[in-house]
Amino acid sequence: RHHCVAADAAEMEARALVADGGDAVVTWAKVDELVRGARLRRRELGRFFVLLSLAEAETLRRVLHLRQGQARTVADSNAELALRVLPHHFEDTHDTSARFEAGHDYQRQLAQQLLRFVDGEQYFAPDHLSLLVKGLQCGTPPLRQGYFDA
């Protein structure tokens, strides 16, 4: 089962602010911190998005169709899979394994903008650009260089 990173803690903190029947004083700074902070943006550990070529995606789609109705799509693994298409309709899954769960919108939107960037997209709406910058901040230049050098 995937685990939500820090979002549950932020929700508990927000509830604790008003736990005394609504008499708590909440400062604008605290509201700003909760809203702007990453703790309210849900992400799941163990969920990955992978950019595939058309040939790779066609092969994976064939595997998904051949394994329909079977308990495991990938032998000896709990992995669940879904195919999405860039750049449009990324929110829709085209083919999925039997037990695939879509996950949280924020993580999908973040992955979509990062994958568009890696795919060579050059034009991003302001809200998409904000997601892209947040996503790129997670990987320091040495980490990115290590990935591409491997």
N, C-alpha and C. Protein backbone atom coordinates (compact mmCIF):
# COMPACT_ATOMS: atom_id res chain seq x y z
N ARG A 1 0.84 -1.19 0.00
CA ARG A 1 0.00 0.00 0.00
C ARG A 1 0.88 1.24 0.00
N HIS A 2 0.52 2.22 -0.78
CA HIS A 2 1.29 3.46 -0.85
C HIS A 2 1.03 4.30 0.40
N HIS A 3 1.98 5.12 0.75
CA HIS A 3 1.85 5.99 1.91
C HIS A 3 1.89 7.44 1.47
N CYS A 4 0.97 8.23 1.98
CA CYS A 4 0.96 9.66 1.66
C CYS A 4 2.03 10.34 2.47
N VAL A 5 2.81 11.17 1.81
CA VAL A 5 3.92 11.85 2.45
C VAL A 5 3.44 13.14 3.09
N ALA A 6 3.50 13.23 4.38
CA ALA A 6 3.30 14.45 5.17
C ALA A 6 1.90 15.06 5.10
N ALA A 7 1.06 14.67 4.16
CA ALA A 7 -0.26 15.29 4.05
C ALA A 7 -1.11 14.97 5.26
N ASP A 8 -1.03 13.76 5.75
CA ASP A 8 -1.82 13.39 6.92
C ASP A 8 -1.38 14.20 8.14
N ALA A 9 -0.09 14.43 8.29
CA ALA A 9 0.42 15.23 9.41
C ALA A 9 -0.08 16.67 9.30
N ALA A 10 -0.12 17.22 8.11
CA ALA A 10 -0.59 18.59 7.92
C ALA A 10 -2.08 18.68 8.23
N GLU A 11 -2.84 17.66 7.84
CA GLU A 11 -4.27 17.66 8.15
C GLU A 11 -4.48 17.60 9.66
N MET A 12 -3.72 16.77 10.35
CA MET A 12 -3.84 16.68 11.81
C MET A 12 -3.47 18.01 12.46
N GLU A 13 -2.44 18.68 11.93
CA GLU A 13 -2.03 19.97 12.47
C GLU A 13 -3.13 21.01 12.27
N ALA A 14 -3.76 21.01 11.09
CA ALA A 14 -4.84 21.96 10.82
C ALA A 14 -6.02 21.70 11.74
N ARG A 15 -6.35 20.43 11.95
CA ARG A 15 -7.47 20.10 12.85
C ARG A 15 -7.15 20.50 14.29
N ALA A 16 -5.89 20.35 14.69
CA ALA A 16 -5.50 20.71 16.05
C ALA A 16 -5.65 22.21 16.30
N LEU A 17 -5.50 23.01 15.25
CA LEU A 17 -5.64 24.46 15.39
C LEU A 17 -7.05 24.86 15.83
N VAL A 18 -8.04 24.06 15.44
CA VAL A 18 -9.42 24.40 15.78
C VAL A 18 -10.06 23.35 16.68
N ALA A 19 -9.26 22.52 17.32
CA ALA A 19 -9.76 21.42 18.14
C ALA A 19 -10.52 21.89 19.37
N ASP A 20 -10.30 23.10 19.81
CA ASP A 20 -10.96 23.55 21.05
C ASP A 20 -12.33 24.19 20.78
N GLY A 21 -13.00 23.73 19.72
CA GLY A 21 -14.34 24.23 19.43
C GLY A 21 -14.36 25.47 18.56
N GLY A 22 -13.27 25.77 17.91
CA GLY A 22 -13.24 26.92 17.02
C GLY A 22 -12.78 28.20 17.67
N ASP A 23 -12.37 28.16 18.94
CA ASP A 23 -11.93 29.36 19.63
C ASP A 23 -10.44 29.65 19.41
N ALA A 24 -9.74 28.78 18.71
CA ALA A 24 -8.31 28.96 18.51
C ALA A 24 -8.07 30.16 17.59
N VAL A 25 -6.98 30.85 17.83
CA VAL A 25 -6.59 31.98 16.99
C VAL A 25 -5.61 31.44 15.96
N VAL A 26 -5.97 31.59 14.71
CA VAL A 26 -5.12 31.14 13.63
C VAL A 26 -4.56 32.37 12.94
N THR A 27 -3.27 32.48 12.90
CA THR A 27 -2.65 33.64 12.27
C THR A 27 -2.60 33.46 10.76
N TRP A 28 -2.52 34.60 10.08
CA TRP A 28 -2.40 34.54 8.63
C TRP A 28 -1.13 33.80 8.23
N ALA A 29 -0.08 34.00 8.98
CA ALA A 29 1.19 33.33 8.68
C ALA A 29 1.03 31.80 8.73
N LYS A 30 0.26 31.31 9.72
CA LYS A 30 0.05 29.86 9.84
C LYS A 30 -0.78 29.33 8.67
N VAL A 31 -1.83 30.06 8.29
CA VAL A 31 -2.65 29.66 7.14
C VAL A 31 -1.79 29.65 5.88
N ASP A 32 -1.00 30.71 5.71
CA ASP A 32 -0.12 30.81 4.55
C ASP A 32 0.86 29.64 4.51
N GLU A 33 1.44 29.30 5.66
CA GLU A 33 2.38 28.18 5.74
C GLU A 33 1.71 26.86 5.36
N LEU A 34 0.49 26.64 5.86
CA LEU A 34 -0.21 25.39 5.55
C LEU A 34 -0.60 25.31 4.08
N VAL A 35 -1.07 26.42 3.52
CA VAL A 35 -1.52 26.40 2.13
C VAL A 35 -0.35 26.31 1.15
N ARG A 36 0.71 27.05 1.40
CA ARG A 36 1.85 27.07 0.49
C ARG A 36 2.80 25.90 0.68
N GLY A 37 2.78 25.34 1.86
CA GLY A 37 3.71 24.26 2.16
C GLY A 37 3.40 23.00 1.38
N ALA A 38 4.41 22.21 1.18
CA ALA A 38 4.27 20.96 0.41
C ALA A 38 3.50 19.89 1.17
N ARG A 39 3.28 20.11 2.46
CA ARG A 39 2.66 19.05 3.25
C ARG A 39 1.21 18.80 2.88
N LEU A 40 0.53 19.74 2.25
CA LEU A 40 -0.84 19.51 1.82
C LEU A 40 -0.93 18.93 0.41
N ARG A 41 0.18 18.85 -0.26
CA ARG A 41 0.20 18.26 -1.60
C ARG A 41 0.54 16.78 -1.46
N ARG A 42 -0.43 15.95 -1.72
CA ARG A 42 -0.26 14.52 -1.49
C ARG A 42 0.62 13.87 -2.55
N ARG A 43 1.54 13.06 -2.04
CA ARG A 43 2.39 12.23 -2.90
C ARG A 43 2.47 10.86 -2.26
N GLU A 44 2.67 9.87 -3.07
CA GLU A 44 2.79 8.51 -2.56
C GLU A 44 4.18 7.98 -2.82
N LEU A 45 4.80 7.45 -1.78
CA LEU A 45 6.07 6.78 -1.94
C LEU A 45 5.84 5.50 -2.73
N GLY A 46 6.73 5.18 -3.62
CA GLY A 46 6.59 3.94 -4.39
C GLY A 46 5.78 4.09 -5.65
N ARG A 47 5.32 5.29 -5.98
CA ARG A 47 4.60 5.51 -7.24
C ARG A 47 5.57 6.20 -8.20
N PHE A 48 5.72 5.62 -9.38
CA PHE A 48 6.67 6.13 -10.35
C PHE A 48 5.99 6.36 -11.69
N PHE A 49 6.47 7.36 -12.41
CA PHE A 49 6.02 7.65 -13.75
C PHE A 49 7.23 7.49 -14.67
N VAL A 50 7.06 6.77 -15.77
CA VAL A 50 8.17 6.46 -16.67
C VAL A 50 7.78 6.89 -18.08
N LEU A 51 8.67 7.57 -18.75
CA LEU A 51 8.45 8.01 -20.12
C LEU A 51 8.90 6.90 -21.05
N LEU A 52 8.00 6.42 -21.91
CA LEU A 52 8.30 5.32 -22.83
C LEU A 52 8.24 5.79 -24.27
N SER A 53 8.98 5.11 -25.12
CA SER A 53 8.84 5.34 -26.55
C SER A 53 7.53 4.67 -27.00
N LEU A 54 7.10 4.98 -28.20
CA LEU A 54 5.88 4.38 -28.72
C LEU A 54 6.01 2.86 -28.79
N ALA A 55 7.15 2.37 -29.24
CA ALA A 55 7.37 0.92 -29.34
C ALA A 55 7.30 0.26 -27.96
N GLU A 56 7.91 0.89 -26.96
CA GLU A 56 7.87 0.35 -25.60
C GLU A 56 6.45 0.34 -25.05
N ALA A 57 5.72 1.41 -25.31
CA ALA A 57 4.33 1.51 -24.84
C ALA A 57 3.45 0.45 -25.51
N GLU A 58 3.67 0.22 -26.80
CA GLU A 58 2.90 -0.82 -27.50
C GLU A 58 3.18 -2.20 -26.92
N THR A 59 4.43 -2.46 -26.59
CA THR A 59 4.79 -3.75 -25.99
C THR A 59 4.14 -3.90 -24.62
N LEU A 60 4.21 -2.86 -23.81
CA LEU A 60 3.59 -2.91 -22.48
C LEU A 60 2.08 -3.07 -22.59
N ARG A 61 1.48 -2.42 -23.56
CA ARG A 61 0.03 -2.56 -23.77
C ARG A 61 -0.32 -4.00 -24.12
N ARG A 62 0.48 -4.62 -24.94
CA ARG A 62 0.26 -6.02 -25.30
C ARG A 62 0.35 -6.91 -24.07
N VAL A 63 1.34 -6.67 -23.22
CA VAL A 63 1.50 -7.44 -21.98
C VAL A 63 0.27 -7.27 -21.09
N LEU A 64 -0.20 -6.03 -20.94
CA LEU A 64 -1.39 -5.78 -20.13
C LEU A 64 -2.60 -6.56 -20.66
N HIS A 65 -2.75 -6.60 -21.98
CA HIS A 65 -3.88 -7.31 -22.56
C HIS A 65 -3.73 -8.82 -22.39
N LEU A 66 -2.52 -9.33 -22.54
CA LEU A 66 -2.29 -10.77 -22.38
C LEU A 66 -2.49 -11.23 -20.94
N ARG A 67 -2.22 -10.36 -19.99
CA ARG A 67 -2.29 -10.71 -18.56
C ARG A 67 -3.63 -10.35 -17.93
N GLN A 68 -4.59 -9.89 -18.71
CA GLN A 68 -5.89 -9.54 -18.15
C GLN A 68 -6.47 -10.73 -17.39
N GLY A 69 -7.03 -10.44 -16.22
CA GLY A 69 -7.65 -11.48 -15.42
C GLY A 69 -6.69 -12.26 -14.54
N GLN A 70 -5.39 -12.04 -14.71
CA GLN A 70 -4.42 -12.72 -13.87
C GLN A 70 -4.14 -11.86 -12.62
N ALA A 71 -3.75 -12.54 -11.56
CA ALA A 71 -3.51 -11.85 -10.29
C ALA A 71 -2.37 -10.85 -10.38
N ARG A 72 -1.34 -11.17 -11.11
CA ARG A 72 -0.16 -10.31 -11.22
C ARG A 72 0.14 -10.00 -12.68
N THR A 73 0.38 -8.72 -12.95
CA THR A 73 0.80 -8.34 -14.30
C THR A 73 2.28 -8.62 -14.47
N VAL A 74 3.05 -8.33 -13.42
CA VAL A 74 4.49 -8.59 -13.42
C VAL A 74 4.74 -9.72 -12.41
N ALA A 75 5.30 -10.82 -12.88
CA ALA A 75 5.53 -11.98 -12.02
C ALA A 75 6.37 -11.60 -10.80
N ASP A 76 6.02 -12.16 -9.65
CA ASP A 76 6.74 -11.94 -8.38
C ASP A 76 6.86 -10.47 -8.01
N SER A 77 5.82 -9.68 -8.31
CA SER A 77 5.86 -8.25 -8.02
C SER A 77 4.47 -7.76 -7.65
N ASN A 78 4.42 -6.72 -6.83
CA ASN A 78 3.16 -6.07 -6.52
C ASN A 78 2.92 -4.85 -7.41
N ALA A 79 3.75 -4.69 -8.43
CA ALA A 79 3.65 -3.52 -9.31
C ALA A 79 2.32 -3.52 -10.06
N GLU A 80 1.73 -2.35 -10.15
CA GLU A 80 0.53 -2.13 -10.95
C GLU A 80 0.87 -1.08 -11.98
N LEU A 81 0.29 -1.19 -13.18
CA LEU A 81 0.69 -0.35 -14.30
C LEU A 81 -0.49 0.34 -14.96
N ALA A 82 -0.20 1.50 -15.55
CA ALA A 82 -1.19 2.21 -16.36
C ALA A 82 -0.45 2.95 -17.47
N LEU A 83 -1.07 3.02 -18.63
CA LEU A 83 -0.50 3.77 -19.74
C LEU A 83 -1.26 5.09 -19.87
N ARG A 84 -0.50 6.17 -20.01
CA ARG A 84 -1.05 7.50 -20.23
C ARG A 84 -0.36 8.07 -21.47
N VAL A 85 -0.96 9.09 -22.07
CA VAL A 85 -0.42 9.67 -23.29
C VAL A 85 -0.06 11.13 -23.06
N LEU A 86 1.16 11.50 -23.46
CA LEU A 86 1.59 12.90 -23.42
C LEU A 86 1.32 13.52 -24.78
N PRO A 87 1.08 14.80 -24.89
CA PRO A 87 0.93 15.75 -23.81
C PRO A 87 -0.52 15.89 -23.36
N HIS A 88 -1.47 15.42 -24.19
CA HIS A 88 -2.88 15.65 -23.89
C HIS A 88 -3.51 14.45 -23.20
N HIS A 89 -4.52 14.70 -22.41
CA HIS A 89 -5.30 13.66 -21.73
C HIS A 89 -4.46 12.77 -20.84
N PHE A 90 -3.43 13.33 -20.23
CA PHE A 90 -2.55 12.57 -19.35
C PHE A 90 -3.32 12.09 -18.12
N GLU A 91 -4.40 12.80 -17.76
CA GLU A 91 -5.17 12.39 -16.59
C GLU A 91 -5.94 11.10 -16.84
N ASP A 92 -6.15 10.75 -18.10
CA ASP A 92 -6.87 9.52 -18.44
C ASP A 92 -5.89 8.36 -18.59
N THR A 93 -6.24 7.22 -18.03
CA THR A 93 -5.44 6.02 -18.24
C THR A 93 -6.05 5.27 -19.42
N HIS A 94 -5.20 4.82 -20.33
CA HIS A 94 -5.69 4.13 -21.53
C HIS A 94 -5.79 2.63 -21.31
N ASP A 95 -4.83 2.06 -20.67
CA ASP A 95 -4.84 0.65 -20.31
C ASP A 95 -4.22 0.54 -18.93
N THR A 96 -4.77 -0.33 -18.10
CA THR A 96 -4.24 -0.49 -16.75
C THR A 96 -4.22 -1.96 -16.36
N SER A 97 -3.39 -2.26 -15.38
CA SER A 97 -3.44 -3.59 -14.79
C SER A 97 -4.66 -3.64 -13.87
N ALA A 98 -5.03 -4.84 -13.46
CA ALA A 98 -6.30 -5.05 -12.76
C ALA A 98 -6.45 -4.25 -11.48
N ARG A 99 -5.39 -4.12 -10.69
CA ARG A 99 -5.51 -3.47 -9.38
C ARG A 99 -4.91 -2.07 -9.34
N PHE A 100 -4.69 -1.47 -10.48
CA PHE A 100 -4.11 -0.12 -10.53
C PHE A 100 -5.05 0.89 -9.88
N GLU A 101 -4.48 1.77 -9.03
CA GLU A 101 -5.21 2.88 -8.43
C GLU A 101 -4.56 4.16 -8.90
N ALA A 102 -5.36 5.12 -9.33
CA ALA A 102 -4.84 6.32 -9.99
C ALA A 102 -3.95 7.20 -9.11
N GLY A 103 -4.16 7.26 -7.83
CA GLY A 103 -3.34 8.11 -6.98
C GLY A 103 -3.86 9.53 -6.93
N HIS A 104 -3.03 10.43 -6.40
CA HIS A 104 -3.44 11.81 -6.16
C HIS A 104 -3.18 12.71 -7.36
N ASP A 105 -4.08 13.66 -7.58
CA ASP A 105 -3.98 14.58 -8.72
C ASP A 105 -2.68 15.37 -8.72
N TYR A 106 -2.28 15.87 -7.55
CA TYR A 106 -1.07 16.70 -7.51
C TYR A 106 0.14 15.93 -8.03
N GLN A 107 0.31 14.71 -7.61
CA GLN A 107 1.46 13.92 -8.04
C GLN A 107 1.40 13.64 -9.54
N ARG A 108 0.20 13.36 -10.05
CA ARG A 108 0.06 13.12 -11.49
C ARG A 108 0.37 14.39 -12.28
N GLN A 109 -0.15 15.53 -11.82
CA GLN A 109 0.10 16.79 -12.52
C GLN A 109 1.57 17.16 -12.49
N LEU A 110 2.22 16.94 -11.37
CA LEU A 110 3.66 17.20 -11.26
C LEU A 110 4.43 16.31 -12.24
N ALA A 111 4.10 15.03 -12.25
CA ALA A 111 4.78 14.10 -13.16
C ALA A 111 4.53 14.49 -14.62
N GLN A 112 3.32 14.90 -14.94
CA GLN A 112 3.00 15.28 -16.32
C GLN A 112 3.88 16.44 -16.79
N GLN A 113 4.05 17.45 -15.96
CA GLN A 113 4.86 18.60 -16.37
C GLN A 113 6.34 18.22 -16.48
N LEU A 114 6.82 17.40 -15.56
CA LEU A 114 8.22 16.95 -15.64
C LEU A 114 8.45 16.10 -16.89
N LEU A 115 7.51 15.22 -17.20
CA LEU A 115 7.66 14.38 -18.39
C LEU A 115 7.55 15.21 -19.67
N ARG A 116 6.70 16.21 -19.68
CA ARG A 116 6.63 17.11 -20.83
C ARG A 116 7.97 17.82 -21.04
N PHE A 117 8.58 18.24 -19.93
CA PHE A 117 9.88 18.91 -19.99
C PHE A 117 10.95 17.98 -20.56
N VAL A 118 11.01 16.76 -20.06
CA VAL A 118 11.99 15.78 -20.54
C VAL A 118 11.73 15.44 -22.01
N ASP A 119 10.46 15.48 -22.41
CA ASP A 119 10.08 15.19 -23.79
C ASP A 119 10.35 16.35 -24.74
N GLY A 120 10.86 17.46 -24.22
CA GLY A 120 11.25 18.58 -25.07
C GLY A 120 10.21 19.67 -25.23
N GLU A 121 9.12 19.61 -24.47
CA GLU A 121 8.12 20.69 -24.54
C GLU A 121 8.77 22.01 -24.15
N GLN A 122 8.35 23.09 -24.80
CA GLN A 122 8.94 24.39 -24.52
C GLN A 122 7.96 25.40 -23.96
N TYR A 123 6.67 25.13 -24.07
CA TYR A 123 5.67 26.10 -23.66
C TYR A 123 4.85 25.53 -22.50
N PHE A 124 4.81 26.28 -21.40
CA PHE A 124 4.09 25.86 -20.21
C PHE A 124 3.22 27.02 -19.72
N ALA A 125 1.97 26.72 -19.38
CA ALA A 125 1.10 27.72 -18.76
C ALA A 125 1.69 28.07 -17.39
N PRO A 126 1.37 29.24 -16.84
CA PRO A 126 1.97 29.63 -15.55
C PRO A 126 1.80 28.59 -14.43
N ASP A 127 0.62 27.97 -14.31
CA ASP A 127 0.44 26.98 -13.24
C ASP A 127 1.25 25.71 -13.53
N HIS A 128 1.41 25.38 -14.80
CA HIS A 128 2.24 24.22 -15.16
C HIS A 128 3.72 24.52 -14.92
N LEU A 129 4.12 25.75 -15.20
CA LEU A 129 5.50 26.15 -14.96
C LEU A 129 5.83 26.09 -13.47
N SER A 130 4.89 26.47 -12.65
CA SER A 130 5.08 26.39 -11.20
C SER A 130 5.31 24.94 -10.76
N LEU A 131 4.51 24.02 -11.29
CA LEU A 131 4.70 22.60 -10.98
C LEU A 131 6.06 22.11 -11.47
N LEU A 132 6.43 22.53 -12.66
CA LEU A 132 7.72 22.11 -13.22
C LEU A 132 8.87 22.56 -12.33
N VAL A 133 8.85 23.81 -11.90
CA VAL A 133 9.92 24.32 -11.04
C VAL A 133 9.96 23.54 -9.73
N LYS A 134 8.79 23.27 -9.13
CA LYS A 134 8.75 22.49 -7.89
C LYS A 134 9.34 21.11 -8.09
N GLY A 135 9.02 20.50 -9.21
CA GLY A 135 9.54 19.16 -9.48
C GLY A 135 11.03 19.14 -9.74
N LEU A 136 11.52 20.15 -10.45
CA LEU A 136 12.95 20.20 -10.74
C LEU A 136 13.79 20.50 -9.50
N GLN A 137 13.18 21.17 -8.51
CA GLN A 137 13.92 21.48 -7.28
C GLN A 137 14.25 20.22 -6.49
N CYS A 138 13.50 19.15 -6.71
CA CYS A 138 13.73 17.91 -5.95
C CYS A 138 15.03 17.24 -6.36
N GLY A 139 15.45 17.43 -7.58
CA GLY A 139 16.67 16.78 -8.06
C GLY A 139 17.79 17.80 -8.21
N THR A 140 18.80 17.69 -7.38
CA THR A 140 19.93 18.60 -7.46
C THR A 140 20.74 18.30 -8.71
N PRO A 141 21.52 19.26 -9.22
CA PRO A 141 22.34 19.00 -10.41
C PRO A 141 23.22 17.75 -10.29
N PRO A 142 23.91 17.51 -9.15
CA PRO A 142 24.70 16.27 -9.08
C PRO A 142 23.85 15.00 -9.20
N LEU A 143 22.64 15.01 -8.64
CA LEU A 143 21.77 13.85 -8.77
C LEU A 143 21.35 13.64 -10.22
N ARG A 144 20.99 14.74 -10.90
CA ARG A 144 20.60 14.62 -12.31
C ARG A 144 21.77 14.16 -13.16
N GLN A 145 22.96 14.70 -12.91
CA GLN A 145 24.13 14.29 -13.68
C GLN A 145 24.42 12.81 -13.47
N GLY A 146 24.32 12.35 -12.23
CA GLY A 146 24.54 10.94 -11.94
C GLY A 146 23.58 10.05 -12.69
N TYR A 147 22.32 10.50 -12.82
CA TYR A 147 21.32 9.72 -13.56
C TYR A 147 21.71 9.62 -15.03
N PHE A 148 22.07 10.75 -15.65
CA PHE A 148 22.37 10.74 -17.07
C PHE A 148 23.72 10.10 -17.40
N ASP A 149 24.63 10.08 -16.43
CA ASP A 149 25.93 9.45 -16.64
C ASP A 149 25.86 7.93 -16.49
N ALA A 150 24.83 7.45 -15.81
CA ALA A 150 24.72 6.00 -15.55
C ALA A 150 24.41 5.20 -16.79
